[in-house]
């Protein structure tokens, strides 16, 4: 059982109790089940799962489902918003309930349970991560609400790179809306940020290693000195972005749009740039050793003082405005000169 489900269970119980109301004849039964479920989840998080705890939890959930169907007409699974619940059934009201419950619980962990200063293996950190992954999953494709969650975590000091309380790897941040956001030094390694909206966002020194940023909207994003090793930026829009000194070793930038992007002194060893558009890109001093630049558009790009040892340039196009390292012969490397129109 993934611990990411646990927050869904707590949320489902809150919704069931709220739906019944304090005067319902079965509210007492619901509160007992809520207490038993919370106790079971707390013991599992603290000591790890056991056959006894799993069996007890299954019985509790069965009782919750029976009570939910009899009292509300909906299954407990649907109330919880567990994976597999159709996104179309998650209403705007449900999302707001989800967000409100999350912010309230996280505030309690911060104020009353010392989340910021808790040691790495503490229960409170495990609960915070579990709840965050669950709420992000429950929000489905609501990029705006996901942006609110991320801003809350950042402003609370929970995901800053130097002292991150918990890591966001595997978090569902698909389509997250963070245009113009300030997330300097944020720790977002391993996150799923496909289709993310990050235009004009400040992510200097951020940690985005192995993040999934396929087709992300990142025009004019600030990623100065950011860590993007092995990140997936397939077809990402990085026009006029600032990646000065960024670490992109092993990153996938296949077919990305890097028009007029600043890549001065970036480390791009073994980076995959196959078919990328680098028109007018500023790459002075960049480390491109072993990079795949095949079929890229390098017209007007500045590659002075770059290291192109073992780089692949087959089919790459350039023109008279392209600047190469001193003594470098692009034709012998397989690049194709583009004639300027008369």
C-alpha atoms as a PDB file:
ATOM      1  CA  UNK A   1       0.000   0.000   0.000  1.00  0.00           C
ATOM      2  CA  UNK A   2       1.498   3.319  -1.026  1.00  0.00           C
ATOM      3  CA  UNK A   3       1.626   5.844   1.761  1.00  0.00           C
ATOM      4  CA  UNK A   4       0.450   8.439  -0.746  1.00  0.00           C
ATOM      5  CA  UNK A   5      -3.063   6.956  -0.300  1.00  0.00           C
ATOM      6  CA  UNK A   6      -3.151   7.783   3.404  1.00  0.00           C
ATOM      7  CA  UNK A   7      -3.980  11.442   2.980  1.00  0.00           C
ATOM      8  CA  UNK A   8      -6.843  10.467   0.671  1.00  0.00           C
ATOM      9  CA  UNK A   9      -8.237   8.258   3.449  1.00  0.00           C
ATOM     10  CA  UNK A  10      -8.087  11.106   5.947  1.00  0.00           C
ATOM     11  CA  UNK A  11      -9.727  13.462   3.478  1.00  0.00           C
ATOM     12  CA  UNK A  12     -12.447  10.899   2.719  1.00  0.00           C
ATOM     13  CA  UNK A  13     -13.241  10.582   6.429  1.00  0.00           C
ATOM     14  CA  UNK A  14     -13.417  14.371   6.789  1.00  0.00           C
ATOM     15  CA  UNK A  15     -15.832  14.549   3.865  1.00  0.00           C
ATOM     16  CA  UNK A  16     -17.950  11.692   5.243  1.00  0.00           C
ATOM     17  CA  UNK A  17     -18.209  13.251   8.706  1.00  0.00           C
ATOM     18  CA  UNK A  18     -19.025  16.622   7.143  1.00  0.00           C
ATOM     19  CA  UNK A  19     -21.679  15.080   4.883  1.00  0.00           C
ATOM     20  CA  UNK A  20     -23.375  13.339   7.824  1.00  0.00           C
ATOM     21  CA  UNK A  21     -23.456  16.394  10.076  1.00  0.00           C
ATOM     22  CA  UNK A  22     -23.454  16.398  13.866  1.00  0.00           C
ATOM     23  CA  UNK A  23     -27.156  15.491  14.175  1.00  0.00           C
ATOM     24  CA  UNK A  24     -27.036  12.418  11.941  1.00  0.00           C
ATOM     25  CA  UNK A  25     -27.922   9.203  13.834  1.00  0.00           C
ATOM     26  CA  UNK A  26     -24.731   7.519  12.577  1.00  0.00           C
ATOM     27  CA  UNK A  27     -22.301  10.363  13.203  1.00  0.00           C
ATOM     28  CA  UNK A  28     -20.972   8.641  16.333  1.00  0.00           C
ATOM     29  CA  UNK A  29     -20.134   5.543  14.267  1.00  0.00           C
ATOM     30  CA  UNK A  30     -18.362   7.714  11.687  1.00  0.00           C
ATOM     31  CA  UNK A  31     -16.246   9.442  14.343  1.00  0.00           C
ATOM     32  CA  UNK A  32     -15.195   6.102  15.852  1.00  0.00           C
ATOM     33  CA  UNK A  33     -14.152   4.864  12.403  1.00  0.00           C
ATOM     34  CA  UNK A  34     -12.280   8.125  11.824  1.00  0.00           C
ATOM     35  CA  UNK A  35     -10.370   7.714  15.097  1.00  0.00           C
ATOM     36  CA  UNK A  36      -9.530   4.056  14.380  1.00  0.00           C
ATOM     37  CA  UNK A  37      -8.372   4.858  10.836  1.00  0.00           C
ATOM     38  CA  UNK A  38      -6.181   7.786  11.934  1.00  0.00           C
ATOM     39  CA  UNK A  39      -4.608   5.636  14.647  1.00  0.00           C
ATOM     40  CA  UNK A  40      -3.899   2.829  12.165  1.00  0.00           C
ATOM     41  CA  UNK A  41      -2.289   5.212   9.660  1.00  0.00           C
ATOM     42  CA  UNK A  42      -0.164   6.872  12.345  1.00  0.00           C
ATOM     43  CA  UNK A  43       1.148   3.505  13.571  1.00  0.00           C
ATOM     44  CA  UNK A  44       1.923   2.437   9.999  1.00  0.00           C
ATOM     45  CA  UNK A  45       3.862   5.630   9.294  1.00  0.00           C
ATOM     46  CA  UNK A  46       5.803   5.360  12.527  1.00  0.00           C
ATOM     47  CA  UNK A  47       6.606   1.641  12.587  1.00  0.00           C
ATOM     48  CA  UNK A  48       6.038   0.469   9.035  1.00  0.00           C
ATOM     49  CA  UNK A  49       3.282  -1.754   7.759  1.00  0.00           C
ATOM     50  CA  UNK A  50       2.581  -5.213   9.195  1.00  0.00           C
ATOM     51  CA  UNK A  51       0.051  -7.939   8.246  1.00  0.00           C
ATOM     52  CA  UNK A  52      -1.918  -7.096  11.381  1.00  0.00           C
ATOM     53  CA  UNK A  53      -2.121  -3.373  10.559  1.00  0.00           C
ATOM     54  CA  UNK A  54      -3.050  -4.093   6.944  1.00  0.00           C
ATOM     55  CA  UNK A  55      -5.804  -6.494   7.976  1.00  0.00           C
ATOM     56  CA  UNK A  56      -7.168  -4.012  10.513  1.00  0.00           C
ATOM     57  CA  UNK A  57      -7.059  -1.178   7.966  1.00  0.00           C
ATOM     58  CA  UNK A  58      -8.910  -3.283   5.388  1.00  0.00           C
ATOM     59  CA  UNK A  59     -11.721  -3.960   7.894  1.00  0.00           C
ATOM     60  CA  UNK A  60     -11.957  -0.262   8.804  1.00  0.00           C
ATOM     61  CA  UNK A  61     -12.091   0.782   5.148  1.00  0.00           C
ATOM     62  CA  UNK A  62     -14.776  -1.805   4.445  1.00  0.00           C
ATOM     63  CA  UNK A  63     -16.884  -0.350   7.274  1.00  0.00           C
ATOM     64  CA  UNK A  64     -16.258   3.171   5.973  1.00  0.00           C
ATOM     65  CA  UNK A  65     -17.392   2.151   2.497  1.00  0.00           C
ATOM     66  CA  UNK A  66     -20.559   0.523   3.817  1.00  0.00           C
ATOM     67  CA  UNK A  67     -21.423   3.594   5.907  1.00  0.00           C
ATOM     68  CA  UNK A  68     -20.663   5.948   3.021  1.00  0.00           C
ATOM     69  CA  UNK A  69     -22.858   4.080   0.542  1.00  0.00           C
ATOM     70  CA  UNK A  70     -25.763   3.854   2.999  1.00  0.00           C
ATOM     71  CA  UNK A  71     -25.529   7.488   4.109  1.00  0.00           C
ATOM     72  CA  UNK A  72     -24.390   9.421   1.037  1.00  0.00           C
ATOM     73  CA  UNK A  73     -24.911   7.084  -1.917  1.00  0.00           C
ATOM     74  CA  UNK A  74     -21.234   7.400  -2.874  1.00  0.00           C
ATOM     75  CA  UNK A  75     -18.482   4.874  -2.269  1.00  0.00           C
ATOM     76  CA  UNK A  76     -15.740   5.713   0.212  1.00  0.00           C
ATOM     77  CA  UNK A  77     -13.296   5.306  -2.698  1.00  0.00           C
ATOM     78  CA  UNK A  78     -15.016   8.203  -4.493  1.00  0.00           C
ATOM     79  CA  UNK A  79     -15.074  10.380  -1.366  1.00  0.00           C
ATOM     80  CA  UNK A  80     -11.342   9.862  -0.991  1.00  0.00           C
ATOM     81  CA  UNK A  81     -10.570  10.832  -4.586  1.00  0.00           C
ATOM     82  CA  UNK A  82      -8.242   7.860  -4.862  1.00  0.00           C
ATOM     83  CA  UNK A  83      -6.286   7.089  -8.061  1.00  0.00           C
ATOM     84  CA  UNK A  84      -8.762   5.682 -10.511  1.00  0.00           C
ATOM     85  CA  UNK A  85     -11.525   8.138  -9.609  1.00  0.00           C
ATOM     86  CA  UNK A  86     -12.521   9.869 -12.870  1.00  0.00           C
ATOM     87  CA  UNK A  87     -11.126  13.410 -12.999  1.00  0.00           C
ATOM     88  CA  UNK A  88     -14.448  14.687 -14.322  1.00  0.00           C
ATOM     89  CA  UNK A  89     -16.081  13.811 -11.021  1.00  0.00           C
ATOM     90  CA  UNK A  90     -13.725  16.007  -9.018  1.00  0.00           C
ATOM     91  CA  UNK A  91     -15.596  19.295  -8.849  1.00  0.00           C
ATOM     92  CA  UNK A  92     -14.243  22.776  -8.175  1.00  0.00           C
ATOM     93  CA  UNK A  93     -15.805  22.556  -4.710  1.00  0.00           C
ATOM     94  CA  UNK A  94     -14.037  19.235  -4.057  1.00  0.00           C
ATOM     95  CA  UNK A  95     -10.707  20.766  -5.072  1.00  0.00           C
ATOM     96  CA  UNK A  96     -11.238  23.694  -2.725  1.00  0.00           C
ATOM     97  CA  UNK A  97     -12.078  21.304   0.133  1.00  0.00           C
ATOM     98  CA  UNK A  98      -8.911  19.381  -0.711  1.00  0.00           C
ATOM     99  CA  UNK A  99      -6.783  22.548  -0.694  1.00  0.00           C
ATOM    100  CA  UNK A 100      -8.302  23.945   2.507  1.00  0.00           C
ATOM    101  CA  UNK A 101      -7.783  20.672   4.362  1.00  0.00           C
ATOM    102  CA  UNK A 102      -4.199  20.459   3.105  1.00  0.00           C
ATOM    103  CA  UNK A 103      -3.235  24.011   4.094  1.00  0.00           C
ATOM    104  CA  UNK A 104      -4.827  23.578   7.524  1.00  0.00           C
ATOM    105  CA  UNK A 105      -3.021  20.299   8.192  1.00  0.00           C
ATOM    106  CA  UNK A 106       0.333  21.563   6.938  1.00  0.00           C
ATOM    107  CA  UNK A 107       0.016  24.723   9.044  1.00  0.00           C
ATOM    108  CA  UNK A 108      -0.601  22.530  12.105  1.00  0.00           C
ATOM    109  CA  UNK A 109       2.519  20.496  11.298  1.00  0.00           C
ATOM    110  CA  UNK A 110       4.561  23.677  10.960  1.00  0.00           C
ATOM    111  CA  UNK A 111       3.269  25.481  14.041  1.00  0.00           C
ATOM    112  CA  UNK A 112       2.606  22.694  16.512  1.00  0.00           C
ATOM    113  CA  UNK A 113       4.773  19.759  15.433  1.00  0.00           C
ATOM    114  CA  UNK A 114       8.011  21.499  14.442  1.00  0.00           C
ATOM    115  CA  UNK A 115       8.037  20.356  10.836  1.00  0.00           C
ATOM    116  CA  UNK A 116      10.805  22.744   9.741  1.00  0.00           C
ATOM    117  CA  UNK A 117      13.280  21.451  12.330  1.00  0.00           C
ATOM    118  CA  UNK A 118      12.271  17.778  12.351  1.00  0.00           C
ATOM    119  CA  UNK A 119      15.007  15.219  11.647  1.00  0.00           C
ATOM    120  CA  UNK A 120      15.100  13.527   8.253  1.00  0.00           C
ATOM    121  CA  UNK A 121      13.528  10.220   9.339  1.00  0.00           C
ATOM    122  CA  UNK A 122      10.835  11.750  11.555  1.00  0.00           C
ATOM    123  CA  UNK A 123       7.181  10.814  11.301  1.00  0.00           C
ATOM    124  CA  UNK A 124       6.135  14.422  10.785  1.00  0.00           C
ATOM    125  CA  UNK A 125       8.281  14.722   7.653  1.00  0.00           C
ATOM    126  CA  UNK A 126       6.814  11.502   6.291  1.00  0.00           C
ATOM    127  CA  UNK A 127       3.284  12.766   6.910  1.00  0.00           C
ATOM    128  CA  UNK A 128       4.030  16.121   5.241  1.00  0.00           C
ATOM    129  CA  UNK A 129       5.452  14.474   2.114  1.00  0.00           C
ATOM    130  CA  UNK A 130       2.611  11.940   2.000  1.00  0.00           C
ATOM    131  CA  UNK A 131      -0.020  14.652   2.211  1.00  0.00           C
ATOM    132  CA  UNK A 132       1.690  16.823  -0.396  1.00  0.00           C
ATOM    133  CA  UNK A 133       1.984  14.026  -2.963  1.00  0.00           C
ATOM    134  CA  UNK A 134      -1.630  13.062  -2.334  1.00  0.00           C
ATOM    135  CA  UNK A 135      -3.087  16.558  -2.679  1.00  0.00           C
ATOM    136  CA  UNK A 136      -1.141  17.170  -5.904  1.00  0.00           C
ATOM    137  CA  UNK A 137      -2.469  13.912  -7.293  1.00  0.00           C
ATOM    138  CA  UNK A 138      -6.003  14.756  -6.200  1.00  0.00           C
ATOM    139  CA  UNK A 139      -5.915  18.112  -8.007  1.00  0.00           C
ATOM    140  CA  UNK A 140      -5.654  16.337 -11.353  1.00  0.00           C
ATOM    141  CA  UNK A 141      -4.965  18.797 -14.167  1.00  0.00           C
ATOM    142  CA  UNK A 142      -5.687  21.944 -12.117  1.00  0.00           C
ATOM    143  CA  UNK A 143      -2.396  23.753 -12.760  1.00  0.00           C
ATOM    144  CA  UNK A 144      -3.426  26.901 -10.888  1.00  0.00           C
ATOM    145  CA  UNK A 145      -4.173  25.032  -7.628  1.00  0.00           C
ATOM    146  CA  UNK A 146      -0.938  23.052  -7.953  1.00  0.00           C
ATOM    147  CA  UNK A 147       0.861  26.384  -8.268  1.00  0.00           C
ATOM    148  CA  UNK A 148      -0.715  27.498  -4.977  1.00  0.00           C
ATOM    149  CA  UNK A 149       0.545  24.346  -3.257  1.00  0.00           C
ATOM    150  CA  UNK A 150       4.079  24.847  -4.561  1.00  0.00           C
ATOM    151  CA  UNK A 151       4.158  28.524  -3.582  1.00  0.00           C
ATOM    152  CA  UNK A 152       2.966  27.576  -0.084  1.00  0.00           C
ATOM    153  CA  UNK A 153       5.745  25.000   0.262  1.00  0.00           C
ATOM    154  CA  UNK A 154       8.354  27.456  -0.981  1.00  0.00           C
ATOM    155  CA  UNK A 155       7.234  30.360   1.185  1.00  0.00           C
ATOM    156  CA  UNK A 156       7.101  28.020   4.187  1.00  0.00           C
ATOM    157  CA  UNK A 157      10.768  27.131   3.610  1.00  0.00           C
ATOM    158  CA  UNK A 158      10.013  23.447   3.030  1.00  0.00           C
ATOM    159  CA  UNK A 159      11.535  22.976  -0.447  1.00  0.00           C
ATOM    160  CA  UNK A 160      14.451  25.391  -0.577  1.00  0.00           C
ATOM    161  CA  UNK A 161      17.510  23.592  -1.826  1.00  0.00           C
ATOM    162  CA  UNK A 162      19.878  24.257   1.076  1.00  0.00           C
ATOM    163  CA  UNK A 163      17.538  23.082   3.827  1.00  0.00           C
ATOM    164  CA  UNK A 164      14.727  21.205   2.075  1.00  0.00           C
ATOM    165  CA  UNK A 165      12.505  19.530   4.659  1.00  0.00           C
ATOM    166  CA  UNK A 166      11.350  16.941   2.170  1.00  0.00           C
ATOM    167  CA  UNK A 167      12.023  16.147  -1.469  1.00  0.00           C
ATOM    168  CA  UNK A 168       9.411  16.445  -4.201  1.00  0.00           C
ATOM    169  CA  UNK A 169      10.549  13.559  -6.404  1.00  0.00           C
ATOM    170  CA  UNK A 170       7.647  11.893  -8.258  1.00  0.00           C
ATOM    171  CA  UNK A 171       5.283  14.761  -7.348  1.00  0.00           C
ATOM    172  CA  UNK A 172       2.537  15.362  -9.913  1.00  0.00           C
ATOM    173  CA  UNK A 173       3.099  18.946 -11.069  1.00  0.00           C
ATOM    174  CA  UNK A 174       1.897  18.418 -14.621  1.00  0.00           C
ATOM    175  CA  UNK A 175       0.564  21.625 -16.191  1.00  0.00           C
ATOM    176  CA  UNK A 176       1.412  23.586 -13.023  1.00  0.00           C
ATOM    177  CA  UNK A 177       0.921  27.331 -13.487  1.00  0.00           C
ATOM    178  CA  UNK A 178       3.920  29.288 -12.160  1.00  0.00           C
ATOM    179  CA  UNK A 179       4.386  32.113 -14.652  1.00  0.00           C
ATOM    180  CA  UNK A 180       6.475  34.832 -12.984  1.00  0.00           C
ATOM    181  CA  UNK A 181       6.865  32.817  -9.772  1.00  0.00           C
ATOM    182  CA  UNK A 182       9.840  33.337  -7.446  1.00  0.00           C
ATOM    183  CA  UNK A 183      11.343  29.912  -6.672  1.00  0.00           C
ATOM    184  CA  UNK A 184      15.047  30.640  -6.314  1.00  0.00           C
ATOM    185  CA  UNK A 185      16.931  27.572  -4.996  1.00  0.00           C
ATOM    186  CA  UNK A 186      13.770  25.456  -4.974  1.00  0.00           C
ATOM    187  CA  UNK A 187      14.356  21.720  -4.762  1.00  0.00           C
ATOM    188  CA  UNK A 188      12.211  20.106  -7.480  1.00  0.00           C
ATOM    189  CA  UNK A 189      14.407  17.209  -8.565  1.00  0.00           C
ATOM    190  CA  UNK A 190      12.582  14.254 -10.070  1.00  0.00           C
ATOM    191  CA  UNK A 191       9.219  16.004 -10.312  1.00  0.00           C
ATOM    192  CA  UNK A 192       6.699  15.516 -13.119  1.00  0.00           C
ATOM    193  CA  UNK A 193       6.304  18.979 -14.652  1.00  0.00           C
ATOM    194  CA  UNK A 194       5.200  18.075 -18.167  1.00  0.00           C
ATOM    195  CA  UNK A 195       3.536  21.068 -19.816  1.00  0.00           C
ATOM    196  CA  UNK A 196       4.405  23.352 -16.883  1.00  0.00           C
ATOM    197  CA  UNK A 197       3.931  27.110 -17.307  1.00  0.00           C
ATOM    198  CA  UNK A 198       7.148  28.746 -16.112  1.00  0.00           C
ATOM    199  CA  UNK A 199       7.433  31.822 -18.291  1.00  0.00           C
ATOM    200  CA  UNK A 200       9.431  34.638 -16.636  1.00  0.00           C
ATOM    201  CA  UNK A 201       9.742  32.495 -13.467  1.00  0.00           C
ATOM    202  CA  UNK A 202      12.827  32.873 -11.259  1.00  0.00           C
ATOM    203  CA  UNK A 203      14.450  29.474 -10.719  1.00  0.00           C
ATOM    204  CA  UNK A 204      18.057  30.536 -10.258  1.00  0.00           C
ATOM    205  CA  UNK A 205      20.127  27.818  -8.530  1.00  0.00           C
ATOM    206  CA  UNK A 206      17.056  25.574  -8.457  1.00  0.00           C
ATOM    207  CA  UNK A 207      17.527  21.813  -8.380  1.00  0.00           C
ATOM    208  CA  UNK A 208      15.645  20.218 -11.279  1.00  0.00           C
ATOM    209  CA  UNK A 209      17.810  17.176 -11.921  1.00  0.00           C
ATOM    210  CA  UNK A 210      15.865  14.364 -13.645  1.00  0.00           C
ATOM    211  CA  UNK A 211      12.704  16.502 -13.680  1.00  0.00           C
ATOM    212  CA  UNK A 212      10.211  15.788 -16.460  1.00  0.00           C
ATOM    213  CA  UNK A 213       9.714  19.100 -18.278  1.00  0.00           C
ATOM    214  CA  UNK A 214       8.526  17.813 -21.646  1.00  0.00           C
ATOM    215  CA  UNK A 215       6.854  20.554 -23.691  1.00  0.00           C
ATOM    216  CA  UNK A 216       7.108  22.982 -20.768  1.00  0.00           C
ATOM    217  CA  UNK A 217       6.400  26.661 -21.462  1.00  0.00           C
ATOM    218  CA  UNK A 218       9.586  28.373 -20.267  1.00  0.00           C
ATOM    219  CA  UNK A 219      10.022  31.467 -22.385  1.00  0.00           C
ATOM    220  CA  UNK A 220      12.324  33.987 -20.664  1.00  0.00           C
ATOM    221  CA  UNK A 221      12.627  31.779 -17.571  1.00  0.00           C
ATOM    222  CA  UNK A 222      15.584  32.507 -15.278  1.00  0.00           C
ATOM    223  CA  UNK A 223      17.582  29.313 -14.716  1.00  0.00           C
ATOM    224  CA  UNK A 224      20.985  30.829 -14.022  1.00  0.00           C
ATOM    225  CA  UNK A 225      23.275  28.208 -12.411  1.00  0.00           C
ATOM    226  CA  UNK A 226      20.326  25.816 -12.081  1.00  0.00           C
ATOM    227  CA  UNK A 227      20.890  22.059 -11.764  1.00  0.00           C
ATOM    228  CA  UNK A 228      19.207  20.301 -14.700  1.00  0.00           C
ATOM    229  CA  UNK A 229      21.352  17.196 -15.082  1.00  0.00           C
ATOM    230  CA  UNK A 230      19.435  14.410 -16.862  1.00  0.00           C
ATOM    231  CA  UNK A 231      16.275  16.542 -16.955  1.00  0.00           C
ATOM    232  CA  UNK A 232      13.851  15.820 -19.788  1.00  0.00           C
ATOM    233  CA  UNK A 233      13.135  19.023 -21.740  1.00  0.00           C
ATOM    234  CA  UNK A 234      11.842  17.410 -24.916  1.00  0.00           C
ATOM    235  CA  UNK A 235      10.236  20.078 -27.145  1.00  0.00           C
ATOM    236  CA  UNK A 236      10.342  22.613 -24.314  1.00  0.00           C
ATOM    237  CA  UNK A 237       9.902  26.280 -25.212  1.00  0.00           C
ATOM    238  CA  UNK A 238      13.024  27.995 -23.861  1.00  0.00           C
ATOM    239  CA  UNK A 239      13.123  31.023 -26.114  1.00  0.00           C
ATOM    240  CA  UNK A 240      15.159  33.897 -24.651  1.00  0.00           C
ATOM    241  CA  UNK A 241      15.652  31.921 -21.430  1.00  0.00           C
ATOM    242  CA  UNK A 242      18.599  32.620 -19.141  1.00  0.00           C
ATOM    243  CA  UNK A 243      20.587  29.417 -18.574  1.00  0.00           C
ATOM    244  CA  UNK A 244      23.952  31.047 -17.896  1.00  0.00           C
ATOM    245  CA  UNK A 245      26.152  28.603 -15.999  1.00  0.00           C
ATOM    246  CA  UNK A 246      23.382  25.998 -15.843  1.00  0.00           C
ATOM    247  CA  UNK A 247      24.316  22.342 -15.372  1.00  0.00           C
ATOM    248  CA  UNK A 248      22.678  20.370 -18.192  1.00  0.00           C
ATOM    249  CA  UNK A 249      24.870  17.278 -18.364  1.00  0.00           C
ATOM    250  CA  UNK A 250      22.912  14.394 -19.850  1.00  0.00           C
ATOM    251  CA  UNK A 251      19.742  16.480 -20.248  1.00  0.00           C
ATOM    252  CA  UNK A 252      17.338  15.795 -23.108  1.00  0.00           C
ATOM    253  CA  UNK A 253      16.688  18.952 -25.141  1.00  0.00           C
ATOM    254  CA  UNK A 254      15.634  17.163 -28.309  1.00  0.00           C
ATOM    255  CA  UNK A 255      13.629  19.502 -30.566  1.00  0.00           C
ATOM    256  CA  UNK A 256      13.573  22.186 -27.876  1.00  0.00           C
ATOM    257  CA  UNK A 257      13.243  25.815 -28.946  1.00  0.00           C
ATOM    258  CA  UNK A 258      16.300  27.675 -27.644  1.00  0.00           C
ATOM    259  CA  UNK A 259      16.068  30.697 -29.927  1.00  0.00           C
ATOM    260  CA  UNK A 260      18.118  33.612 -28.547  1.00  0.00           C
ATOM    261  CA  UNK A 261      18.661  31.692 -25.307  1.00  0.00           C
ATOM    262  CA  UNK A 262      21.579  32.611 -23.036  1.00  0.00           C
ATOM    263  CA  UNK A 263      23.742  29.518 -22.469  1.00  0.00           C
ATOM    264  CA  UNK A 264      27.048  31.206 -21.674  1.00  0.00           C
ATOM    265  CA  UNK A 265      29.352  28.930 -19.638  1.00  0.00           C
ATOM    266  CA  UNK A 266      26.639  26.295 -19.329  1.00  0.00           C
ATOM    267  CA  UNK A 267      27.803  22.723 -18.743  1.00  0.00           C
ATOM    268  CA  UNK A 268      26.230  20.637 -21.488  1.00  0.00           C
ATOM    269  CA  UNK A 269      28.476  17.595 -21.692  1.00  0.00           C
ATOM    270  CA  UNK A 270      26.588  14.671 -23.353  1.00  0.00           C
ATOM    271  CA  UNK A 271      23.428  16.804 -23.612  1.00  0.00           C
ATOM    272  CA  UNK A 272      21.005  15.677 -26.332  1.00  0.00           C
ATOM    273  CA  UNK A 273      20.147  18.659 -28.554  1.00  0.00           C
ATOM    274  CA  UNK A 274      19.055  16.650 -31.588  1.00  0.00           C
ATOM    275  CA  UNK A 275      16.938  18.833 -33.860  1.00  0.00           C
ATOM    276  CA  UNK A 276      16.861  21.735 -31.387  1.00  0.00           C
ATOM    277  CA  UNK A 277      16.535  25.315 -32.570  1.00  0.00           C
ATOM    278  CA  UNK A 278      19.529  27.368 -31.384  1.00  0.00           C
ATOM    279  CA  UNK A 279      19.098  30.357 -33.680  1.00  0.00           C
ATOM    280  CA  UNK A 280      20.876  33.333 -32.174  1.00  0.00           C
ATOM    281  CA  UNK A 281      21.735  31.409 -29.004  1.00  0.00           C
ATOM    282  CA  UNK A 282      24.588  32.828 -26.939  1.00  0.00           C
ATOM    283  CA  UNK A 283      26.849  29.902 -25.991  1.00  0.00           C
ATOM    284  CA  UNK A 284      30.201  31.566 -25.305  1.00  0.00           C
ATOM    285  CA  UNK A 285      32.375  29.330 -23.129  1.00  0.00           C
ATOM    286  CA  UNK A 286      29.799  26.529 -22.922  1.00  0.00           C
ATOM    287  CA  UNK A 287      31.024  22.989 -22.315  1.00  0.00           C
ATOM    288  CA  UNK A 288      29.610  20.893 -25.165  1.00  0.00           C
ATOM    289  CA  UNK A 289      31.951  17.931 -25.011  1.00  0.00           C
ATOM    290  CA  UNK A 290      30.134  14.840 -26.287  1.00  0.00           C
ATOM    291  CA  UNK A 291      26.874  16.754 -26.900  1.00  0.00           C
ATOM    292  CA  UNK A 292      24.543  15.715 -29.707  1.00  0.00           C
ATOM    293  CA  UNK A 293      24.033  18.766 -31.940  1.00  0.00           C
ATOM    294  CA  UNK A 294      22.918  16.814 -34.992  1.00  0.00           C
ATOM    295  CA  UNK A 295      20.352  18.580 -37.178  1.00  0.00           C
ATOM    296  CA  UNK A 296      20.257  21.626 -34.927  1.00  0.00           C
ATOM    297  CA  UNK A 297      19.699  25.120 -36.297  1.00  0.00           C
ATOM    298  CA  UNK A 298      22.783  27.136 -35.340  1.00  0.00           C
ATOM    299  CA  UNK A 299      22.200  30.132 -37.592  1.00  0.00           C
ATOM    300  CA  UNK A 300      23.394  33.267 -35.857  1.00  0.00           C
ATOM    301  CA  UNK A 301      24.527  31.320 -32.775  1.00  0.00           C
ATOM    302  CA  UNK A 302      27.679  32.327 -30.913  1.00  0.00           C
ATOM    303  CA  UNK A 303      29.819  29.294 -30.018  1.00  0.00           C
ATOM    304  CA  UNK A 304      33.083  31.140 -29.385  1.00  0.00           C
ATOM    305  CA  UNK A 305      35.350  29.484 -26.800  1.00  0.00           C
ATOM    306  CA  UNK A 306      33.057  26.451 -26.539  1.00  0.00           C
ATOM    307  CA  UNK A 307      34.427  22.939 -26.173  1.00  0.00           C
ATOM    308  CA  UNK A 308      33.114  20.776 -29.030  1.00  0.00           C
ATOM    309  CA  UNK A 309      35.349  17.729 -28.557  1.00  0.00           C
ATOM    310  CA  UNK A 310      33.458  14.526 -29.534  1.00  0.00           C
ATOM    311  CA  UNK A 311      30.320  16.562 -30.253  1.00  0.00           C
ATOM    312  CA  UNK A 312      28.077  15.418 -33.109  1.00  0.00           C
ATOM    313  CA  UNK A 313      27.181  18.102 -35.651  1.00  0.00           C
ATOM    314  CA  UNK A 314      25.943  16.024 -38.568  1.00  0.00           C
ATOM    315  CA  UNK A 315      23.252  17.896 -40.472  1.00  0.00           C
ATOM    316  CA  UNK A 316      23.443  20.960 -38.233  1.00  0.00           C
ATOM    317  CA  UNK A 317      22.843  24.172 -40.188  1.00  0.00           C
ATOM    318  CA  UNK A 318      24.737  27.451 -39.794  1.00  0.00           C
ATOM    319  CA  UNK A 319      25.293  30.693 -41.665  1.00  0.00           C
ATOM    320  CA  UNK A 320      27.855  33.467 -41.981  1.00  0.00           C
ATOM    321  CA  UNK A 321      26.669  34.970 -38.676  1.00  0.00           C
ATOM    322  CA  UNK A 322      27.423  31.795 -36.730  1.00  0.00           C
ATOM    323  CA  UNK A 323      30.575  32.193 -34.632  1.00  0.00           C
ATOM    324  CA  UNK A 324      32.696  29.084 -33.995  1.00  0.00           C
ATOM    325  CA  UNK A 325      35.619  28.351 -31.653  1.00  0.00           C
ATOM    326  CA  UNK A 326      38.954  29.464 -33.062  1.00  0.00           C
ATOM    327  CA  UNK A 327      40.289  26.945 -35.586  1.00  0.00           C
ATOM    328  CA  UNK A 328      37.087  24.852 -35.672  1.00  0.00           C
ATOM    329  CA  UNK A 329      35.998  23.555 -39.102  1.00  0.00           C
ATOM    330  CA  UNK A 330      32.199  23.007 -39.073  1.00  0.00           C
ATOM    331  CA  UNK A 331      32.128  21.416 -42.544  1.00  0.00           C
ATOM    332  CA  UNK A 332      34.530  18.633 -41.592  1.00  0.00           C
ATOM    333  CA  UNK A 333      32.361  18.057 -38.505  1.00  0.00           C
ATOM    334  CA  UNK A 334      29.346  17.442 -40.742  1.00  0.00           C
ATOM    335  CA  UNK A 335      27.583  20.805 -40.388  1.00  0.00           C
ATOM    336  CA  UNK A 336      25.896  22.357 -43.426  1.00  0.00           C
ATOM    337  CA  UNK A 337      26.335  25.993 -44.364  1.00  0.00           C
ATOM    338  CA  UNK A 338      23.079  27.804 -45.037  1.00  0.00           C
ATOM    339  CA  UNK A 339      23.206  30.297 -47.855  1.00  0.00           C
ATOM    340  CA  UNK A 340      21.920  33.749 -46.975  1.00  0.00           C
ATOM    341  CA  UNK A 341      19.066  34.902 -49.265  1.00  0.00           C
ATOM    342  CA  UNK A 342      20.082  37.633 -51.653  1.00  0.00           C
END
